[in-house]
Protein backbone atom coordinates (compact mmCIF):
# COMPACT_ATOMS: atom_id res chain seq x y z
CA MET A 1 8.84 -125.23 94.01
CA THR A 2 5.34 -123.61 94.56
CA GLU A 3 2.47 -124.84 93.91
CA GLU A 4 -1.39 -123.22 94.50
CA LEU A 5 -3.80 -124.28 97.88
CA PRO A 6 -6.77 -123.81 98.70
CA LEU A 7 -6.10 -122.15 102.66
CA PHE A 8 -7.74 -122.58 105.89
CA PRO A 9 -8.01 -120.14 108.53
CA LEU A 10 -8.45 -122.08 111.83
CA ASN A 11 -8.56 -122.09 115.62
CA THR A 12 -6.95 -125.14 115.29
CA VAL A 13 -3.22 -125.91 114.84
CA LEU A 14 -2.55 -129.43 112.25
CA PHE A 15 0.16 -131.72 112.05
CA PRO A 16 1.11 -133.98 109.42
CA GLY A 17 -0.53 -136.80 110.87
CA MET A 18 -2.97 -135.81 112.85
CA PRO A 19 -6.50 -136.33 112.20
CA LEU A 20 -9.14 -133.09 112.08
CA ARG A 21 -12.90 -133.41 111.43
CA LEU A 22 -14.22 -129.91 110.22
CA HIS A 23 -18.03 -129.18 110.27
CA ILE A 24 -18.80 -126.43 106.80
CA PHE A 25 -21.58 -124.26 106.90
CA GLU A 26 -20.19 -121.12 105.01
CA LEU A 27 -20.65 -120.79 101.55
CA ARG A 28 -17.17 -119.78 100.72
CA TYR A 29 -15.91 -123.54 102.50
CA ARG A 30 -18.74 -125.94 100.62
CA GLU A 31 -17.53 -124.27 97.96
CA MET A 32 -13.56 -124.76 98.63
CA ILE A 33 -14.21 -128.84 100.10
CA GLY A 34 -16.32 -129.26 97.27
CA ALA A 35 -14.11 -128.34 94.80
CA CYS A 36 -11.32 -130.24 96.61
CA ALA A 37 -13.29 -133.71 97.12
CA ASP A 38 -14.53 -133.04 93.77
CA GLU A 39 -10.88 -133.00 92.38
CA ASP A 40 -9.47 -135.45 95.14
CA ARG A 41 -7.08 -132.57 96.42
CA PRO A 42 -6.00 -130.96 99.41
CA PHE A 43 -6.65 -128.09 101.58
CA GLY A 44 -4.64 -125.97 103.99
CA VAL A 45 -5.09 -125.97 108.05
CA VAL A 46 -3.47 -122.66 108.50
CA LEU A 47 -3.18 -121.21 112.20
CA ILE A 48 -5.34 -117.57 112.48
CA LYS A 49 -3.33 -114.63 114.11
CA GLU A 50 -5.43 -112.13 114.14
CA GLY A 51 -9.74 -112.11 113.15
CA MET A 52 -12.11 -114.82 113.03
CA GLU A 53 -12.89 -118.46 111.34
CA VAL A 54 -16.36 -116.68 110.32
CA GLY A 55 -17.04 -113.14 108.20
CA ALA A 56 -14.00 -110.92 106.81
CA PRO A 57 -10.63 -113.05 105.85
CA ALA A 58 -8.38 -113.88 108.63
CA ASP A 59 -4.67 -112.57 109.20
CA PRO A 60 -3.14 -116.48 109.36
CA PHE A 61 0.36 -118.01 110.04
CA GLU A 62 2.46 -118.79 107.23
CA VAL A 63 3.41 -121.91 108.21
CA GLY A 64 0.87 -124.51 108.03
CA THR A 65 -0.29 -127.95 107.31
CA MET A 66 -1.91 -129.92 104.01
CA ALA A 67 -5.36 -131.66 105.03
CA LYS A 68 -5.96 -134.60 102.64
CA ILE A 69 -9.78 -135.14 103.10
CA VAL A 70 -10.65 -138.71 104.17
CA GLY A 71 -14.00 -138.97 104.87
CA ILE A 72 -17.06 -136.33 104.67
CA ASP A 73 -20.95 -136.48 104.77
CA ARG A 74 -22.95 -134.15 102.62
CA LEU A 75 -25.78 -132.64 104.48
CA ASP A 76 -29.43 -131.75 102.33
CA ASP A 77 -28.50 -128.04 102.89
CA GLY A 78 -24.88 -127.92 101.48
CA ARG A 79 -23.77 -128.40 104.25
CA MET A 80 -21.00 -130.89 105.08
CA ASN A 81 -19.14 -132.99 107.94
CA ILE A 82 -16.19 -133.60 106.96
CA VAL A 83 -12.30 -136.02 108.35
CA THR A 84 -9.79 -134.78 107.07
CA MET A 85 -5.51 -135.92 107.54
CA GLY A 86 -2.35 -133.94 108.02
CA THR A 87 0.10 -134.59 105.56
CA ARG A 88 2.89 -132.14 104.78
CA ARG A 89 3.92 -128.63 105.82
CA PHE A 90 3.69 -125.97 103.95
CA ARG A 91 5.27 -121.96 103.93
CA VAL A 92 2.67 -119.33 101.99
CA ARG A 93 4.61 -116.98 100.09
CA THR A 94 1.64 -114.88 99.07
CA TYR A 95 -2.16 -115.07 99.26
CA SER A 96 -4.70 -114.68 97.08
CA THR A 97 -9.32 -113.53 97.35
CA GLU A 98 -9.06 -112.14 93.38
CA LYS A 99 -9.86 -115.44 92.01
CA ARG A 100 -11.88 -116.97 94.14
CA SER A 101 -14.30 -116.59 97.30
CA TYR A 102 -12.21 -118.05 99.91
CA VAL A 103 -8.17 -117.69 100.53
CA VAL A 104 -5.88 -119.19 98.19
CA GLY A 105 -1.70 -119.10 99.11
CA GLU A 106 0.95 -119.97 96.98
CA VAL A 107 2.70 -122.02 98.84
CA GLU A 108 6.33 -124.44 98.94
CA PRO A 109 7.08 -127.10 100.91
CA PHE A 110 8.54 -126.58 104.39
CA ASP A 111 10.34 -129.68 105.65
CA ASP A 112 12.75 -131.00 108.67
CA GLU A 113 16.77 -130.74 108.54
CA PRO A 114 17.49 -134.59 108.47
CA ALA A 115 18.70 -135.70 111.93
CA ALA A 116 21.63 -137.64 112.74
CA ALA A 117 20.33 -141.31 114.21
CA PRO A 118 22.81 -141.23 117.06
CA THR A 119 22.13 -137.68 118.61
CA VAL A 120 18.06 -138.65 117.89
CA GLY A 121 17.76 -142.64 119.39
CA ASP A 122 18.44 -141.57 123.06
CA LEU A 123 15.73 -138.14 123.02
CA VAL A 124 12.89 -140.25 120.61
CA GLN A 125 12.99 -143.04 124.09
CA ASN A 126 12.92 -140.45 126.80
CA VAL A 127 10.27 -138.08 125.21
CA GLY A 128 7.93 -141.36 124.38
CA ALA A 129 8.21 -142.24 127.20
CA ALA A 130 7.09 -138.63 128.74
CA ALA A 131 4.39 -138.60 126.22
CA GLN A 132 2.61 -142.04 127.51
CA ARG A 133 3.09 -140.73 130.66
CA TYR A 134 1.23 -137.17 130.46
CA VAL A 135 -1.34 -139.39 128.48
CA ALA A 136 -2.53 -141.80 131.26
CA LEU A 137 -2.37 -138.46 133.64
CA LEU A 138 -4.66 -136.66 131.40
CA GLN A 139 -7.05 -140.15 131.75
CA ALA A 140 -6.96 -139.93 135.60
CA ALA A 141 -7.65 -135.90 135.65
CA TYR A 142 -10.87 -136.23 132.67
CA GLU A 143 -11.94 -139.89 134.12
CA GLN A 144 -12.88 -140.87 130.83
CA GLU A 145 -10.93 -143.63 128.46
CA ILE A 146 -8.33 -142.13 126.37
CA ALA A 147 -6.77 -144.53 123.41
CA PRO A 148 -3.28 -145.70 124.27
CA LEU A 149 -0.61 -143.58 122.52
CA SER A 150 0.74 -145.71 120.25
CA LEU A 151 4.58 -144.83 119.29
CA PRO A 152 5.88 -143.73 115.45
CA PRO A 153 9.36 -145.38 115.56
CA SER A 154 10.53 -142.32 113.55
CA ALA A 155 11.65 -139.10 114.86
CA GLU A 156 9.76 -136.50 112.82
CA ASP A 157 6.19 -138.14 113.00
CA LEU A 158 6.72 -139.08 116.61
CA SER A 159 7.51 -135.03 117.32
CA TYR A 160 3.72 -134.43 115.03
CA LEU A 161 2.05 -136.76 117.05
CA ILE A 162 3.12 -135.06 120.19
CA GLY A 163 2.36 -131.82 119.51
CA GLY A 164 -1.19 -133.04 118.23
CA ILE A 165 -1.53 -134.36 121.87
CA LEU A 166 -0.18 -131.43 123.82
CA ARG A 167 -2.63 -129.81 125.36
CA VAL A 168 -1.92 -126.38 125.58
CA PRO A 169 -2.46 -122.79 123.52
CA ASN A 170 -2.08 -122.82 119.72
CA ASP A 171 0.75 -120.36 120.06
CA GLU A 172 2.86 -122.66 121.41
CA ARG A 173 1.62 -125.29 120.20
CA GLN A 174 2.24 -123.24 116.43
CA ARG A 175 5.78 -122.64 117.44
CA LEU A 176 6.78 -126.15 117.74
CA LEU A 177 4.86 -126.94 114.02
CA GLU A 178 7.13 -124.17 112.91
CA LEU A 179 9.81 -125.61 113.53
CA ALA A 180 12.91 -127.50 111.22
CA SER A 181 14.42 -129.59 112.69
CA THR A 182 13.12 -132.92 114.32
CA THR A 183 15.82 -132.43 116.86
CA ASP A 184 14.80 -129.17 118.55
CA ARG A 185 10.46 -130.14 118.72
CA LEU A 186 11.24 -133.37 120.42
CA GLU A 187 13.17 -131.32 122.63
CA GLN A 188 10.80 -128.41 123.43
CA GLU A 189 8.02 -130.93 123.98
CA ARG A 190 10.02 -132.68 126.48
CA ASN A 191 10.92 -129.72 128.71
CA ILE A 192 6.77 -129.27 127.70
CA LEU A 193 5.65 -132.63 128.52
CA ALA A 194 7.78 -132.42 131.94
CA ARG A 195 5.45 -128.84 132.53
CA GLU A 196 2.55 -130.05 131.83
CA SER A 197 2.95 -133.50 133.59
CA VAL A 198 3.95 -131.88 136.83
CA SER A 199 0.63 -128.79 136.39
CA VAL A 200 -1.63 -131.80 136.50
CA GLU A 201 0.38 -134.21 138.84
CA ALA A 202 -0.83 -131.33 140.87
CA PHE A 203 -4.59 -131.48 140.19
CA LEU A 204 -4.67 -134.75 140.39
CA GLN A 205 -3.28 -133.77 144.05
CA GLN A 206 -5.69 -131.12 144.91
CA ARG A 207 -8.42 -132.71 143.84
CA GLY A 208 -8.15 -136.04 145.98
CA PRO A 209 -9.44 -139.37 145.12
CA SER A 210 -12.44 -139.28 143.11
CA ASN A 211 -15.40 -138.95 146.06
CA LEU A 212 -17.75 -139.95 143.68
CA GLY A 213 -20.25 -142.95 144.76
CA PRO A 214 -22.36 -145.77 143.02
CA PHE A 215 -24.58 -143.86 141.66
CA SER A 216 -28.36 -144.85 141.86
CA ARG A 217 -30.04 -147.58 140.19
CA ASN A 218 -33.23 -145.22 140.21
């Protein structure tokens, strides 16, 4: 079954269960977000394939994620700061700009195929441990506090969480979002985590111990 969904093409990939903060300033998106907030409706976040976030409508990928507005700050000049949460993936069947100043898609749900519990159990443990190690390495590399990673019990939710925290190019994250198998997504994420962890470790070894001494009180 399809439904109409306002679409927001962005240079980011949103996964279900992940937060996304946006500053809304273009008139067409003020109209869109205002209507979604007033009617308590989600909008769709889709990664831009070609084009720009601002100006003429961009050409987006077909698979995206619905975003629910969970916080909104309306500024005096009409701009808005919003906090959203990714909920469910969808696939766009058709696009239209005939009725609105923004793009509206005819979309259908895009859900993962059921995963066999015995098959995915060990994979969840291995990928979860690799994700914890990856976050610890990032914290050491950036020398800043990163919120502890709370691993969800669901294999599918874990795959979305890892997709959301990976610091890799958007096209690689989009490929993860488009997979229809939780097992396939976790297996690919295991490989990416291993690759990226090696890269961060190499950076840390090259940098060596931090040579920042105590700061002056002056």
